[in-house]
Amino acid sequence: MARQVAYTFKGEEKVINFAYDKYHDMYEAAAAAEGINLDRFLAMEQQVAMTSKGSKAVRDFRTNEFARMGLTNIHFVRDEQDA
């Protein structure tokens, strides 16, 4: 089943295709679609993960940094097919 990720980049809503064999998560896919290099972000995220006691700090860091990059409201698009 094909997955899609919806996000807002600098006020413009976009939808892209997503595959786990190509990207680790939907944030990485959205950044790749916009041509954003995540090398520094991933290194800092790893440091936050090593120094924090829970995953909330990592989630907050990720959300705040992606908002700073202009990417907001990142989520998977639900398939609206009737079974």
Protein backbone atom coordinates (compact mmCIF):
# COMPACT_ATOMS: atom_id res chain seq x y z
CA MET A 1 0.00 0.00 0.00
CA ALA A 2 1.36 3.40 -0.98
CA ARG A 3 1.74 5.97 1.76
CA GLN A 4 1.67 9.71 1.47
CA VAL A 5 2.95 12.47 3.72
CA ALA A 6 1.29 15.88 3.90
CA TYR A 7 3.13 18.92 5.24
CA THR A 8 3.21 22.69 5.09
CA PHE A 9 6.37 24.35 3.80
CA LYS A 10 6.51 28.12 4.30
CA GLY A 11 2.73 28.41 4.18
CA GLU A 12 2.21 26.13 1.17
CA GLU A 13 0.56 22.74 1.74
CA LYS A 14 2.14 19.81 -0.10
CA VAL A 15 1.67 16.03 -0.38
CA ILE A 16 4.46 13.60 -1.31
CA ASN A 17 4.82 9.84 -1.64
CA PHE A 18 6.59 8.01 1.18
CA ALA A 19 8.36 4.65 1.42
CA TYR A 20 10.14 3.23 4.48
CA ASP A 21 12.82 1.66 2.28
CA LYS A 22 13.87 5.15 1.15
CA TYR A 23 13.36 7.28 4.29
CA HIS A 24 13.53 6.61 8.03
CA ASP A 25 10.54 8.79 8.89
CA MET A 26 8.13 11.33 7.47
CA TYR A 27 10.28 14.26 8.63
CA GLU A 28 13.23 13.04 6.58
CA ALA A 29 11.00 12.57 3.52
CA ALA A 30 9.60 16.11 3.77
CA ALA A 31 13.07 17.60 4.16
CA ALA A 32 14.36 15.63 1.17
CA ALA A 33 11.44 16.83 -0.95
CA GLU A 34 12.38 20.43 -0.18
CA GLY A 35 16.13 19.88 -0.63
CA ILE A 36 17.04 20.49 3.00
CA ASN A 37 20.31 18.91 4.20
CA LEU A 38 19.75 17.17 7.54
CA ASP A 39 23.35 16.22 8.42
CA ARG A 40 23.73 18.80 11.21
CA PHE A 41 20.20 18.22 12.45
CA LEU A 42 20.69 14.44 12.72
CA ALA A 43 23.97 14.88 14.63
CA MET A 44 22.31 17.28 17.09
CA GLU A 45 19.25 15.05 17.43
CA GLN A 46 21.54 12.16 18.35
CA GLN A 47 23.20 14.30 21.03
CA VAL A 48 19.81 15.30 22.45
CA ALA A 49 18.80 11.62 22.54
CA MET A 50 21.98 10.65 24.39
CA THR A 51 21.66 13.39 27.02
CA SER A 52 17.90 13.31 27.65
CA LYS A 53 16.06 10.87 29.87
CA GLY A 54 13.04 10.40 27.63
CA SER A 55 11.84 10.61 24.07
CA LYS A 56 9.81 13.79 24.70
CA ALA A 57 12.95 15.94 24.48
CA VAL A 58 13.81 14.41 21.11
CA ARG A 59 10.26 14.92 19.79
CA ASP A 60 10.23 18.54 20.98
CA PHE A 61 13.64 19.18 19.43
CA ARG A 62 12.54 17.65 16.12
CA THR A 63 9.28 19.62 16.01
CA ASN A 64 10.97 22.92 16.88
CA GLU A 65 13.85 22.50 14.43
CA PHE A 66 11.61 21.52 11.53
CA ALA A 67 9.37 24.52 12.28
CA ARG A 68 12.51 26.69 12.18
CA MET A 69 13.33 25.19 8.76
CA GLY A 70 9.82 26.10 7.55
CA LEU A 71 8.28 22.60 7.71
CA THR A 72 5.15 22.32 9.85
CA ASN A 73 2.08 20.12 10.20
CA ILE A 74 3.90 16.98 8.99
CA HIS A 75 1.63 13.92 9.05
CA PHE A 76 0.69 10.77 7.16
CA VAL A 77 -2.33 11.02 4.86
CA ARG A 78 -5.00 8.52 5.81
CA ASP A 79 -6.36 6.31 3.11
CA GLU A 80 -10.08 7.08 2.78
CA GLN A 81 -11.04 3.91 0.90
CA ASP A 82 -14.13 2.00 2.01
CA ALA A 83 -13.31 -1.64 2.68
